[in-house]
Amino acid sequence: MKIAILINEGPYTHEATDSAYLFARAAIEKGHQVSRVFFYHDGVNNSTRLTEPPQDDRHIVNRWARLGDEHKIDLVVCVAAALRRGIKDENLAPGFRISGLGQLVEAGIQADRLVTFGD
């Protein structure tokens, strides 16, 4: 099954990001393909290289970057939501890219399931 994921919440403030990450890993382990993760609203905060959690905490941005790299997942950040929050190309973490809502629509059309995390 081909799965696309939409994340609407930021890291460390809501369980949506952790749940989405664990869901993606479990889906991949079961043999499904996660084709795209689209970060929208406060979810765009999952993409910034400016995130520096304490050493004893999980690094959510690096988790996504690593998962995307290992499994060729397209990590797309909504341009309008990113710019509203001061996120530009130069402060994106490796593996993420900025694009428009058309990428979310395309993911929904091409995937068998679009799974949403967060309000």
PDB file of N, CA and C in Angstrom:
ATOM      1  N   MET A   1       0.844  -1.176   0.000  1.00  0.00           N
ATOM      2  CA  MET A   1       0.000   0.000   0.000  1.00  0.00           C
ATOM      3  C   MET A   1       0.892   1.243   0.000  1.00  0.00           C
ATOM      4  N   LYS A   2       0.496   2.219  -0.773  1.00  0.00           N
ATOM      5  CA  LYS A   2       1.216   3.497  -0.851  1.00  0.00           C
ATOM      6  C   LYS A   2       0.533   4.495   0.084  1.00  0.00           C
ATOM      7  N   ILE A   3       1.308   5.046   1.017  1.00  0.00           N
ATOM      8  CA  ILE A   3       0.763   5.921   2.051  1.00  0.00           C
ATOM      9  C   ILE A   3       1.407   7.299   1.976  1.00  0.00           C
ATOM     10  N   ALA A   4       0.597   8.324   2.124  1.00  0.00           N
ATOM     11  CA  ALA A   4       1.086   9.703   2.283  1.00  0.00           C
ATOM     12  C   ALA A   4       0.646  10.172   3.672  1.00  0.00           C
ATOM     13  N   ILE A   5       1.445  11.039   4.268  1.00  0.00           N
ATOM     14  CA  ILE A   5       1.179  11.511   5.630  1.00  0.00           C
ATOM     15  C   ILE A   5       1.129  13.032   5.641  1.00  0.00           C
ATOM     16  N   LEU A   6       0.157  13.566   6.384  1.00  0.00           N
ATOM     17  CA  LEU A   6       0.025  15.011   6.597  1.00  0.00           C
ATOM     18  C   LEU A   6       0.225  15.280   8.084  1.00  0.00           C
ATOM     19  N   ILE A   7       1.151  16.182   8.417  1.00  0.00           N
ATOM     20  CA  ILE A   7       1.421  16.540   9.811  1.00  0.00           C
ATOM     21  C   ILE A   7       1.106  18.022  10.008  1.00  0.00           C
ATOM     22  N   ASN A   8       0.188  18.306  10.938  1.00  0.00           N
ATOM     23  CA  ASN A   8      -0.273  19.671  11.186  1.00  0.00           C
ATOM     24  C   ASN A   8       0.231  20.283  12.497  1.00  0.00           C
ATOM     25  N   GLU A   9       0.986  19.524  13.278  1.00  0.00           N
ATOM     26  CA  GLU A   9       1.430  20.009  14.591  1.00  0.00           C
ATOM     27  C   GLU A   9       2.951  20.040  14.667  1.00  0.00           C
ATOM     28  N   GLY A  10       3.452  20.936  15.483  1.00  0.00           N
ATOM     29  CA  GLY A  10       4.889  21.074  15.651  1.00  0.00           C
ATOM     30  C   GLY A  10       5.475  20.034  16.590  1.00  0.00           C
ATOM     31  N   PRO A  11       6.795  19.913  16.587  1.00  0.00           N
ATOM     32  CA  PRO A  11       7.457  18.963  17.473  1.00  0.00           C
ATOM     33  C   PRO A  11       7.434  19.462  18.911  1.00  0.00           C
ATOM     34  N   TYR A  12       7.436  18.534  19.838  1.00  0.00           N
ATOM     35  CA  TYR A  12       7.577  18.815  21.269  1.00  0.00           C
ATOM     36  C   TYR A  12       6.365  19.491  21.908  1.00  0.00           C
ATOM     37  N   THR A  13       5.341  19.832  21.145  1.00  0.00           N
ATOM     38  CA  THR A  13       4.164  20.480  21.731  1.00  0.00           C
ATOM     39  C   THR A  13       2.912  19.618  21.616  1.00  0.00           C
ATOM     40  N   HIS A  14       2.993  18.568  20.851  1.00  0.00           N
ATOM     41  CA  HIS A  14       1.832  17.740  20.569  1.00  0.00           C
ATOM     42  C   HIS A  14       2.338  16.352  20.196  1.00  0.00           C
ATOM     43  N   GLU A  15       1.610  15.326  20.539  1.00  0.00           N
ATOM     44  CA  GLU A  15       2.052  13.960  20.242  1.00  0.00           C
ATOM     45  C   GLU A  15       1.903  13.587  18.769  1.00  0.00           C
ATOM     46  N   ALA A  16       1.284  14.443  17.977  1.00  0.00           N
ATOM     47  CA  ALA A  16       1.023  14.125  16.569  1.00  0.00           C
ATOM     48  C   ALA A  16       2.295  13.788  15.798  1.00  0.00           C
ATOM     49  N   THR A  17       3.354  14.533  16.027  1.00  0.00           N
ATOM     50  CA  THR A  17       4.588  14.296  15.282  1.00  0.00           C
ATOM     51  C   THR A  17       5.207  12.958  15.644  1.00  0.00           C
ATOM     52  N   ASP A  18       5.273  12.663  16.935  1.00  0.00           N
ATOM     53  CA  ASP A  18       5.809  11.369  17.361  1.00  0.00           C
ATOM     54  C   ASP A  18       4.946  10.229  16.830  1.00  0.00           C
ATOM     55  N   SER A  19       3.627  10.392  16.903  1.00  0.00           N
ATOM     56  CA  SER A  19       2.713   9.362  16.411  1.00  0.00           C
ATOM     57  C   SER A  19       2.895   9.144  14.914  1.00  0.00           C
ATOM     58  N   ALA A  20       3.042  10.223  14.156  1.00  0.00           N
ATOM     59  CA  ALA A  20       3.234  10.114  12.710  1.00  0.00           C
ATOM     60  C   ALA A  20       4.533   9.389  12.386  1.00  0.00           C
ATOM     61  N   TYR A  21       5.581   9.733  13.109  1.00  0.00           N
ATOM     62  CA  TYR A  21       6.879   9.093  12.882  1.00  0.00           C
ATOM     63  C   TYR A  21       6.800   7.590  13.177  1.00  0.00           C
ATOM     64  N   LEU A  22       6.224   7.238  14.305  1.00  0.00           N
ATOM     65  CA  LEU A  22       6.099   5.824  14.671  1.00  0.00           C
ATOM     66  C   LEU A  22       5.204   5.072  13.690  1.00  0.00           C
ATOM     67  N   PHE A  23       4.133   5.729  13.231  1.00  0.00           N
ATOM     68  CA  PHE A  23       3.251   5.135  12.228  1.00  0.00           C
ATOM     69  C   PHE A  23       4.024   4.879  10.935  1.00  0.00           C
ATOM     70  N   ALA A  24       4.796   5.862  10.483  1.00  0.00           N
ATOM     71  CA  ALA A  24       5.560   5.715   9.240  1.00  0.00           C
ATOM     72  C   ALA A  24       6.547   4.557   9.350  1.00  0.00           C
ATOM     73  N   ARG A  25       7.266   4.490  10.441  1.00  0.00           N
ATOM     74  CA  ARG A  25       8.223   3.392  10.639  1.00  0.00           C
ATOM     75  C   ARG A  25       7.526   2.036  10.639  1.00  0.00           C
ATOM     76  N   ALA A  26       6.404   1.943  11.356  1.00  0.00           N
ATOM     77  CA  ALA A  26       5.667   0.676  11.418  1.00  0.00           C
ATOM     78  C   ALA A  26       5.139   0.282  10.040  1.00  0.00           C
ATOM     79  N   ALA A  27       4.638   1.244   9.290  1.00  0.00           N
ATOM     80  CA  ALA A  27       4.124   0.958   7.942  1.00  0.00           C
ATOM     81  C   ALA A  27       5.235   0.433   7.044  1.00  0.00           C
ATOM     82  N   ILE A  28       6.390   1.066   7.112  1.00  0.00           N
ATOM     83  CA  ILE A  28       7.526   0.636   6.297  1.00  0.00           C
ATOM     84  C   ILE A  28       7.960  -0.774   6.696  1.00  0.00           C
ATOM     85  N   GLU A  29       8.011  -1.033   8.000  1.00  0.00           N
ATOM     86  CA  GLU A  29       8.403  -2.358   8.485  1.00  0.00           C
ATOM     87  C   GLU A  29       7.430  -3.451   8.020  1.00  0.00           C
ATOM     88  N   LYS A  30       6.170  -3.073   7.809  1.00  0.00           N
ATOM     89  CA  LYS A  30       5.162  -4.033   7.335  1.00  0.00           C
ATOM     90  C   LYS A  30       5.152  -4.158   5.812  1.00  0.00           C
ATOM     91  N   GLY A  31       6.047  -3.430   5.138  1.00  0.00           N
ATOM     92  CA  GLY A  31       6.175  -3.547   3.695  1.00  0.00           C
ATOM     93  C   GLY A  31       5.421  -2.506   2.884  1.00  0.00           C
ATOM     94  N   HIS A  32       4.828  -1.530   3.547  1.00  0.00           N
ATOM     95  CA  HIS A  32       4.133  -0.460   2.834  1.00  0.00           C
ATOM     96  C   HIS A  32       5.132   0.621   2.411  1.00  0.00           C
ATOM     97  N   GLN A  33       4.741   1.422   1.459  1.00  0.00           N
ATOM     98  CA  GLN A  33       5.577   2.522   0.989  1.00  0.00           C
ATOM     99  C   GLN A  33       5.012   3.838   1.509  1.00  0.00           C
ATOM    100  N   VAL A  34       5.836   4.621   2.182  1.00  0.00           N
ATOM    101  CA  VAL A  34       5.462   5.983   2.560  1.00  0.00           C
ATOM    102  C   VAL A  34       6.090   6.884   1.500  1.00  0.00           C
ATOM    103  N   SER A  35       5.243   7.447   0.652  1.00  0.00           N
ATOM    104  CA  SER A  35       5.747   8.190  -0.495  1.00  0.00           C
ATOM    105  C   SER A  35       6.069   9.648  -0.175  1.00  0.00           C
ATOM    106  N   ARG A  36       5.260  10.270   0.672  1.00  0.00           N
ATOM    107  CA  ARG A  36       5.462  11.695   0.968  1.00  0.00           C
ATOM    108  C   ARG A  36       4.937  12.001   2.361  1.00  0.00           C
ATOM    109  N   VAL A  37       5.655  12.877   3.053  1.00  0.00           N
ATOM    110  CA  VAL A  37       5.170  13.461   4.297  1.00  0.00           C
ATOM    111  C   VAL A  37       5.066  14.954   4.031  1.00  0.00           C
ATOM    112  N   PHE A  38       3.864  15.493   4.224  1.00  0.00           N
ATOM    113  CA  PHE A  38       3.622  16.914   3.985  1.00  0.00           C
ATOM    114  C   PHE A  38       3.447  17.596   5.337  1.00  0.00           C
ATOM    115  N   PHE A  39       4.257  18.618   5.591  1.00  0.00           N
ATOM    116  CA  PHE A  39       4.230  19.361   6.843  1.00  0.00           C
ATOM    117  C   PHE A  39       3.481  20.669   6.617  1.00  0.00           C
ATOM    118  N   TYR A  40       2.412  20.869   7.387  1.00  0.00           N
ATOM    119  CA  TYR A  40       1.499  21.990   7.175  1.00  0.00           C
ATOM    120  C   TYR A  40       1.205  22.661   8.518  1.00  0.00           C
ATOM    121  N   HIS A  41       0.700  23.861   8.503  1.00  0.00           N
ATOM    122  CA  HIS A  41       0.420  24.649   9.716  1.00  0.00           C
ATOM    123  C   HIS A  41       1.669  24.628  10.613  1.00  0.00           C
ATOM    124  N   ASP A  42       1.516  24.384  11.914  1.00  0.00           N
ATOM    125  CA  ASP A  42       2.681  24.341  12.808  1.00  0.00           C
ATOM    126  C   ASP A  42       3.569  23.133  12.543  1.00  0.00           C
ATOM    127  N   GLY A  43       3.096  22.201  11.754  1.00  0.00           N
ATOM    128  CA  GLY A  43       3.907  21.047  11.390  1.00  0.00           C
ATOM    129  C   GLY A  43       5.186  21.414  10.653  1.00  0.00           C
ATOM    130  N   VAL A  44       5.212  22.590  10.032  1.00  0.00           N
ATOM    131  CA  VAL A  44       6.425  23.017   9.325  1.00  0.00           C
ATOM    132  C   VAL A  44       7.609  23.162  10.283  1.00  0.00           C
ATOM    133  N   ASN A  45       7.330  23.338  11.569  1.00  0.00           N
ATOM    134  CA  ASN A  45       8.411  23.461  12.551  1.00  0.00           C
ATOM    135  C   ASN A  45       9.191  22.157  12.733  1.00  0.00           C
ATOM    136  N   ASN A  46       8.713  21.085  12.152  1.00  0.00           N
ATOM    137  CA  ASN A  46       9.439  19.818  12.171  1.00  0.00           C
ATOM    138  C   ASN A  46      10.598  19.807  11.189  1.00  0.00           C
ATOM    139  N   SER A  47      10.750  20.844  10.394  1.00  0.00           N
ATOM    140  CA  SER A  47      11.717  20.845   9.303  1.00  0.00           C
ATOM    141  C   SER A  47      12.923  21.750   9.510  1.00  0.00           C
ATOM    142  N   THR A  48      12.950  22.517  10.564  1.00  0.00           N
ATOM    143  CA  THR A  48      14.003  23.519  10.691  1.00  0.00           C
ATOM    144  C   THR A  48      15.271  22.983  11.346  1.00  0.00           C
ATOM    145  N   ARG A  49      16.393  23.329  10.759  1.00  0.00           N
ATOM    146  CA  ARG A  49      17.686  22.920  11.310  1.00  0.00           C
ATOM    147  C   ARG A  49      18.026  23.708  12.569  1.00  0.00           C
ATOM    148  N   LEU A  50      17.220  24.696  12.917  1.00  0.00           N
ATOM    149  CA  LEU A  50      17.465  25.521  14.106  1.00  0.00           C
ATOM    150  C   LEU A  50      17.020  24.838  15.395  1.00  0.00           C
ATOM    151  N   THR A  51      16.357  23.694  15.281  1.00  0.00           N
ATOM    152  CA  THR A  51      15.908  22.939  16.451  1.00  0.00           C
ATOM    153  C   THR A  51      17.097  22.282  17.137  1.00  0.00           C
ATOM    154  N   GLU A  52      17.243  22.530  18.441  1.00  0.00           N
ATOM    155  CA  GLU A  52      18.316  21.911  19.220  1.00  0.00           C
ATOM    156  C   GLU A  52      17.772  21.431  20.559  1.00  0.00           C
ATOM    157  N   PRO A  53      17.211  20.223  20.586  1.00  0.00           N
ATOM    158  CA  PRO A  53      16.691  19.690  21.852  1.00  0.00           C
ATOM    159  C   PRO A  53      17.840  19.319  22.792  1.00  0.00           C
ATOM    160  N   PRO A  54      17.555  19.172  24.086  1.00  0.00           N
ATOM    161  CA  PRO A  54      18.585  18.714  25.022  1.00  0.00           C
ATOM    162  C   PRO A  54      19.137  17.356  24.582  1.00  0.00           C
ATOM    163  N   GLN A  55      20.359  17.055  24.982  1.00  0.00           N
ATOM    164  CA  GLN A  55      21.018  15.819  24.545  1.00  0.00           C
ATOM    165  C   GLN A  55      20.267  14.560  24.963  1.00  0.00           C
ATOM    166  N   ASP A  56      19.528  14.624  26.063  1.00  0.00           N
ATOM    167  CA  ASP A  56      18.826  13.432  26.533  1.00  0.00           C
ATOM    168  C   ASP A  56      17.415  13.311  25.969  1.00  0.00           C
ATOM    169  N   ASP A  57      17.062  14.165  25.021  1.00  0.00           N
ATOM    170  CA  ASP A  57      15.736  14.133  24.398  1.00  0.00           C
ATOM    171  C   ASP A  57      15.876  13.670  22.950  1.00  0.00           C
ATOM    172  N   ARG A  58      14.791  13.211  22.385  1.00  0.00           N
ATOM    173  CA  ARG A  58      14.801  12.793  20.981  1.00  0.00           C
ATOM    174  C   ARG A  58      14.901  14.027  20.088  1.00  0.00           C
ATOM    175  N   HIS A  59      15.566  13.871  18.959  1.00  0.00           N
ATOM    176  CA  HIS A  59      15.714  14.971  17.999  1.00  0.00           C
ATOM    177  C   HIS A  59      14.757  14.684  16.847  1.00  0.00           C
ATOM    178  N   ILE A  60      13.560  15.218  16.947  1.00  0.00           N
ATOM    179  CA  ILE A  60      12.492  14.896  16.003  1.00  0.00           C
ATOM    180  C   ILE A  60      12.852  15.271  14.565  1.00  0.00           C
ATOM    181  N   VAL A  61      13.456  16.419  14.364  1.00  0.00           N
ATOM    182  CA  VAL A  61      13.815  16.848  13.005  1.00  0.00           C
ATOM    183  C   VAL A  61      14.792  15.853  12.387  1.00  0.00           C
ATOM    184  N   ASN A  62      15.805  15.464  13.141  1.00  0.00           N
ATOM    185  CA  ASN A  62      16.780  14.495  12.622  1.00  0.00           C
ATOM    186  C   ASN A  62      16.145  13.135  12.360  1.00  0.00           C
ATOM    187  N   ARG A  63      15.156  12.743  13.179  1.00  0.00           N
ATOM    188  CA  ARG A  63      14.450  11.483  12.950  1.00  0.00           C
ATOM    189  C   ARG A  63      13.807  11.477  11.573  1.00  0.00           C
ATOM    190  N   TRP A  64      13.077  12.559  11.263  1.00  0.00           N
ATOM    191  CA  TRP A  64      12.414  12.647   9.962  1.00  0.00           C
ATOM    192  C   TRP A  64      13.425  12.670   8.827  1.00  0.00           C
ATOM    193  N   ALA A  65      14.482  13.457   8.985  1.00  0.00           N
ATOM    194  CA  ALA A  65      15.496  13.549   7.934  1.00  0.00           C
ATOM    195  C   ALA A  65      16.119  12.187   7.658  1.00  0.00           C
ATOM    196  N   ARG A  66      16.433  11.453   8.715  1.00  0.00           N
ATOM    197  CA  ARG A  66      17.049  10.132   8.572  1.00  0.00           C
ATOM    198  C   ARG A  66      16.073   9.143   7.915  1.00  0.00           C
ATOM    199  N   LEU A  67      14.811   9.146   8.379  1.00  0.00           N
ATOM    200  CA  LEU A  67      13.813   8.246   7.806  1.00  0.00           C
ATOM    201  C   LEU A  67      13.597   8.557   6.322  1.00  0.00           C
ATOM    202  N   GLY A  68      13.511   9.838   6.002  1.00  0.00           N
ATOM    203  CA  GLY A  68      13.333  10.239   4.608  1.00  0.00           C
ATOM    204  C   GLY A  68      14.481   9.787   3.731  1.00  0.00           C
ATOM    205  N   ASP A  69      15.699   9.944   4.243  1.00  0.00           N
ATOM    206  CA  ASP A  69      16.882   9.557   3.487  1.00  0.00           C
ATOM    207  C   ASP A  69      16.953   8.039   3.310  1.00  0.00           C
ATOM    208  N   GLU A  70      16.711   7.302   4.370  1.00  0.00           N
ATOM    209  CA  GLU A  70      16.818   5.839   4.324  1.00  0.00           C
ATOM    210  C   GLU A  70      15.764   5.183   3.437  1.00  0.00           C
ATOM    211  N   HIS A  71      14.585   5.800   3.358  1.00  0.00           N
ATOM    212  CA  HIS A  71      13.473   5.158   2.638  1.00  0.00           C
ATOM    213  C   HIS A  71      12.966   5.983   1.456  1.00  0.00           C
ATOM    214  N   LYS A  72      13.755   6.953   1.043  1.00  0.00           N
ATOM    215  CA  LYS A  72      13.423   7.787  -0.131  1.00  0.00           C
ATOM    216  C   LYS A  72      12.024   8.401  -0.010  1.00  0.00           C
ATOM    217  N   ILE A  73      11.740   8.976   1.155  1.00  0.00           N
ATOM    218  CA  ILE A  73      10.453   9.634   1.403  1.00  0.00           C
ATOM    219  C   ILE A  73      10.605  11.113   1.073  1.00  0.00           C
ATOM    220  N   ASP A  74       9.677  11.644   0.331  1.00  0.00           N
ATOM    221  CA  ASP A  74       9.661  13.052  -0.028  1.00  0.00           C
ATOM    222  C   ASP A  74       9.113  13.851   1.162  1.00  0.00           C
ATOM    223  N   LEU A  75       9.955  14.668   1.789  1.00  0.00           N
ATOM    224  CA  LEU A  75       9.570  15.473   2.951  1.00  0.00           C
ATOM    225  C   LEU A  75       9.299  16.894   2.484  1.00  0.00           C
ATOM    226  N   VAL A  76       8.020  17.251   2.369  1.00  0.00           N
ATOM    227  CA  VAL A  76       7.615  18.524   1.779  1.00  0.00           C
ATOM    228  C   VAL A  76       7.049  19.452   2.847  1.00  0.00           C
ATOM    229  N   VAL A  77       7.518  20.687   2.830  1.00  0.00           N
ATOM    230  CA  VAL A  77       7.113  21.717   3.780  1.00  0.00           C
ATOM    231  C   VAL A  77       6.289  22.761   3.029  1.00  0.00           C
ATOM    232  N   CYS A  78       5.091  23.073   3.534  1.00  0.00           N
ATOM    233  CA  CYS A  78       4.225  24.052   2.882  1.00  0.00           C
ATOM    234  C   CYS A  78       4.890  25.427   2.886  1.00  0.00           C
ATOM    235  N   VAL A  79       5.011  26.020   1.723  1.00  0.00           N
ATOM    236  CA  VAL A  79       5.702  27.297   1.589  1.00  0.00           C
ATOM    237  C   VAL A  79       5.012  28.417   2.363  1.00  0.00           C
ATOM    238  N   ALA A  80       3.705  28.531   2.269  1.00  0.00           N
ATOM    239  CA  ALA A  80       2.992  29.624   2.949  1.00  0.00           C
ATOM    240  C   ALA A  80       3.097  29.487   4.464  1.00  0.00           C
ATOM    241  N   ALA A  81       2.890  28.280   4.970  1.00  0.00           N
ATOM    242  CA  ALA A  81       2.981  28.051   6.414  1.00  0.00           C
ATOM    243  C   ALA A  81       4.411  28.261   6.906  1.00  0.00           C
ATOM    244  N   ALA A  82       5.385  27.854   6.120  1.00  0.00           N
ATOM    245  CA  ALA A  82       6.790  28.021   6.504  1.00  0.00           C
ATOM    246  C   ALA A  82       7.166  29.501   6.568  1.00  0.00           C
ATOM    247  N   LEU A  83       6.818  30.252   5.550  1.00  0.00           N
ATOM    248  CA  LEU A  83       7.177  31.673   5.533  1.00  0.00           C
ATOM    249  C   LEU A  83       6.511  32.437   6.670  1.00  0.00           C
ATOM    250  N   ARG A  84       5.289  32.074   7.019  1.00  0.00           N
ATOM    251  CA  ARG A  84       4.622  32.717   8.159  1.00  0.00           C
ATOM    252  C   ARG A  84       5.390  32.506   9.450  1.00  0.00           C
ATOM    253  N   ARG A  85       6.153  31.418   9.512  1.00  0.00           N
ATOM    254  CA  ARG A  85       6.877  31.074  10.731  1.00  0.00           C
ATOM    255  C   ARG A  85       8.379  31.332  10.602  1.00  0.00           C
ATOM    256  N   GLY A  86       8.777  32.038   9.562  1.00  0.00           N
ATOM    257  CA  GLY A  86      10.179  32.410   9.384  1.00  0.00           C
ATOM    258  C   GLY A  86      11.072  31.299   8.873  1.00  0.00           C
ATOM    259  N   ILE A  87      10.480  30.264   8.325  1.00  0.00           N
ATOM    260  CA  ILE A  87      11.269  29.144   7.813  1.00  0.00           C
ATOM    261  C   ILE A  87      11.462  29.328   6.313  1.00  0.00           C
ATOM    262  N   LYS A  88      12.730  29.364   5.918  1.00  0.00           N
ATOM    263  CA  LYS A  88      13.092  29.510   4.506  1.00  0.00           C
ATOM    264  C   LYS A  88      14.045  28.386   4.128  1.00  0.00           C
ATOM    265  N   ASP A  89      14.358  28.296   2.841  1.00  0.00           N
ATOM    266  CA  ASP A  89      15.246  27.236   2.348  1.00  0.00           C
ATOM    267  C   ASP A  89      16.544  27.150   3.143  1.00  0.00           C
ATOM    268  N   GLU A  90      17.102  28.292   3.492  1.00  0.00           N
ATOM    269  CA  GLU A  90      18.419  28.281   4.144  1.00  0.00           C
ATOM    270  C   GLU A  90      18.405  27.718   5.567  1.00  0.00           C
ATOM    271  N   ASN A  91      17.234  27.615   6.196  1.00  0.00           N
ATOM    272  CA  ASN A  91      17.237  27.009   7.529  1.00  0.00           C
ATOM    273  C   ASN A  91      16.449  25.704   7.594  1.00  0.00           C
ATOM    274  N   LEU A  92      16.263  25.083   6.430  1.00  0.00           N
ATOM    275  CA  LEU A  92      15.663  23.736   6.409  1.00  0.00           C
ATOM    276  C   LEU A  92      16.724  22.700   6.772  1.00  0.00           C
ATOM    277  N   ALA A  93      16.313  21.686   7.483  1.00  0.00           N
ATOM    278  CA  ALA A  93      17.197  20.561   7.767  1.00  0.00           C
ATOM    279  C   ALA A  93      17.398  19.763   6.472  1.00  0.00           C
ATOM    280  N   PRO A  94      18.486  19.017   6.382  1.00  0.00           N
ATOM    281  CA  PRO A  94      18.724  18.197   5.186  1.00  0.00           C
ATOM    282  C   PRO A  94      17.571  17.230   4.936  1.00  0.00           C
ATOM    283  N   GLY A  95      17.222  17.086   3.659  1.00  0.00           N
ATOM    284  CA  GLY A  95      16.183  16.137   3.270  1.00  0.00           C
ATOM    285  C   GLY A  95      14.807  16.750   3.102  1.00  0.00           C
ATOM    286  N   PHE A  96      14.591  17.950   3.631  1.00  0.00           N
ATOM    287  CA  PHE A  96      13.300  18.624   3.512  1.00  0.00           C
ATOM    288  C   PHE A  96      13.347  19.585   2.328  1.00  0.00           C
ATOM    289  N   ARG A  97      12.177  19.832   1.749  1.00  0.00           N
ATOM    290  CA  ARG A  97      12.088  20.829   0.683  1.00  0.00           C
ATOM    291  C   ARG A  97      10.792  21.615   0.834  1.00  0.00           C
ATOM    292  N   ILE A  98      10.832  22.861   0.397  1.00  0.00           N
ATOM    293  CA  ILE A  98       9.660  23.728   0.466  1.00  0.00           C
ATOM    294  C   ILE A  98       8.924  23.663  -0.864  1.00  0.00           C
ATOM    295  N   SER A  99       7.595  23.541  -0.791  1.00  0.00           N
ATOM    296  CA  SER A  99       6.767  23.538  -1.992  1.00  0.00           C
ATOM    297  C   SER A  99       5.346  23.946  -1.611  1.00  0.00           C
ATOM    298  N   GLY A 100       4.451  23.916  -2.567  1.00  0.00           N
ATOM    299  CA  GLY A 100       3.085  24.380  -2.347  1.00  0.00           C
ATOM    300  C   GLY A 100       2.100  23.276  -2.030  1.00  0.00           C
ATOM    301  N   LEU A 101       0.861  23.703  -1.800  1.00  0.00           N
ATOM    302  CA  LEU A 101      -0.214  22.770  -1.460  1.00  0.00           C
ATOM    303  C   LEU A 101      -0.514  21.764  -2.576  1.00  0.00           C
ATOM    304  N   GLY A 102      -0.094  22.073  -3.783  1.00  0.00           N
ATOM    305  CA  GLY A 102      -0.282  21.138  -4.885  1.00  0.00           C
ATOM    306  C   GLY A 102       0.377  19.799  -4.597  1.00  0.00           C
ATOM    307  N   GLN A 103       1.478  19.829  -3.834  1.00  0.00           N
ATOM    308  CA  GLN A 103       2.168  18.592  -3.474  1.00  0.00           C
ATOM    309  C   GLN A 103       1.323  17.734  -2.532  1.00  0.00           C
ATOM    310  N   LEU A 104       0.537  18.388  -1.670  1.00  0.00           N
ATOM    311  CA  LEU A 104      -0.375  17.660  -0.789  1.00  0.00           C
ATOM    312  C   LEU A 104      -1.505  17.036  -1.605  1.00  0.00           C
ATOM    313  N   VAL A 105      -2.068  17.795  -2.522  1.00  0.00           N
ATOM    314  CA  VAL A 105      -3.134  17.283  -3.386  1.00  0.00           C
ATOM    315  C   VAL A 105      -2.623  16.095  -4.205  1.00  0.00           C
ATOM    316  N   GLU A 106      -1.450  16.262  -4.790  1.00  0.00           N
ATOM    317  CA  GLU A 106      -0.860  15.180  -5.580  1.00  0.00           C
ATOM    318  C   GLU A 106      -0.638  13.928  -4.728  1.00  0.00           C
ATOM    319  N   ALA A 107      -0.138  14.114  -3.512  1.00  0.00           N
ATOM    320  CA  ALA A 107       0.095  12.968  -2.613  1.00  0.00           C
ATOM    321  C   ALA A 107      -1.211  12.244  -2.320  1.00  0.00           C
ATOM    322  N   GLY A 108      -2.276  13.006  -2.083  1.00  0.00           N
ATOM    323  CA  GLY A 108      -3.579  12.412  -1.809  1.00  0.00           C
ATOM    324  C   GLY A 108      -4.140  11.637  -2.985  1.00  0.00           C
ATOM    325  N   ILE A 109      -3.873  12.114  -4.177  1.00  0.00           N
ATOM    326  CA  ILE A 109      -4.352  11.446  -5.388  1.00  0.00           C
ATOM    327  C   ILE A 109      -3.553  10.176  -5.663  1.00  0.00           C
ATOM    328  N   GLN A 110      -2.245  10.248  -5.507  1.00  0.00           N
ATOM    329  CA  GLN A 110      -1.375   9.133  -5.873  1.00  0.00           C
ATOM    330  C   GLN A 110      -1.308   8.032  -4.820  1.00  0.00           C
ATOM    331  N   ALA A 111      -1.585   8.368  -3.564  1.00  0.00           N
ATOM    332  CA  ALA A 111      -1.478   7.382  -2.493  1.00  0.00           C
ATOM    333  C   ALA A 111      -2.791   6.599  -2.360  1.00  0.00           C
ATOM    334  N   ASP A 112      -2.673   5.423  -1.795  1.00  0.00           N
ATOM    335  CA  ASP A 112      -3.873   4.642  -1.458  1.00  0.00           C
ATOM    336  C   ASP A 112      -4.553   5.220  -0.221  1.00  0.00           C
ATOM    337  N   ARG A 113      -3.747   5.783   0.672  1.00  0.00           N
ATOM    338  CA  ARG A 113      -4.263   6.388   1.895  1.00  0.00           C
ATOM    339  C   ARG A 113      -3.471   7.661   2.202  1.00  0.00           C
ATOM    340  N   LEU A 114      -4.191   8.690   2.647  1.00  0.00           N
ATOM    341  CA  LEU A 114      -3.575   9.913   3.184  1.00  0.00           C
ATOM    342  C   LEU A 114      -3.944   9.938   4.655  1.00  0.00           C
ATOM    343  N   VAL A 115      -2.950   9.837   5.517  1.00  0.00           N
ATOM    344  CA  VAL A 115      -3.178   9.767   6.958  1.00  0.00           C
ATOM    345  C   VAL A 115      -2.766  11.092   7.573  1.00  0.00           C
ATOM    346  N   THR A 116      -3.670  11.689   8.351  1.00  0.00           N
ATOM    347  CA  THR A 116      -3.452  13.007   8.943  1.00  0.00           C
ATOM    348  C   THR A 116      -3.180  12.889  10.435  1.00  0.00           C
ATOM    349  N   PHE A 117      -2.183  13.650  10.890  1.00  0.00           N
ATOM    350  CA  PHE A 117      -1.835  13.707  12.308  1.00  0.00           C
ATOM    351  C   PHE A 117      -1.914  15.162  12.773  1.00  0.00           C
ATOM    352  N   GLY A 118      -2.710  15.402  13.804  1.00  0.00           N
ATOM    353  CA  GLY A 118      -2.886  16.758  14.332  1.00  0.00           C
ATOM    354  C   GLY A 118      -4.133  17.402  13.755  1.00  0.00           C
ATOM    355  N   ASP A 119      -4.557  18.469  14.422  1.00  0.00           N
ATOM    356  CA  ASP A 119      -5.779  19.173  14.016  1.00  0.00           C
ATOM    357  C   ASP A 119      -5.624  19.934  12.730  1.00  0.00           C
TER     358      ASP A 119
END
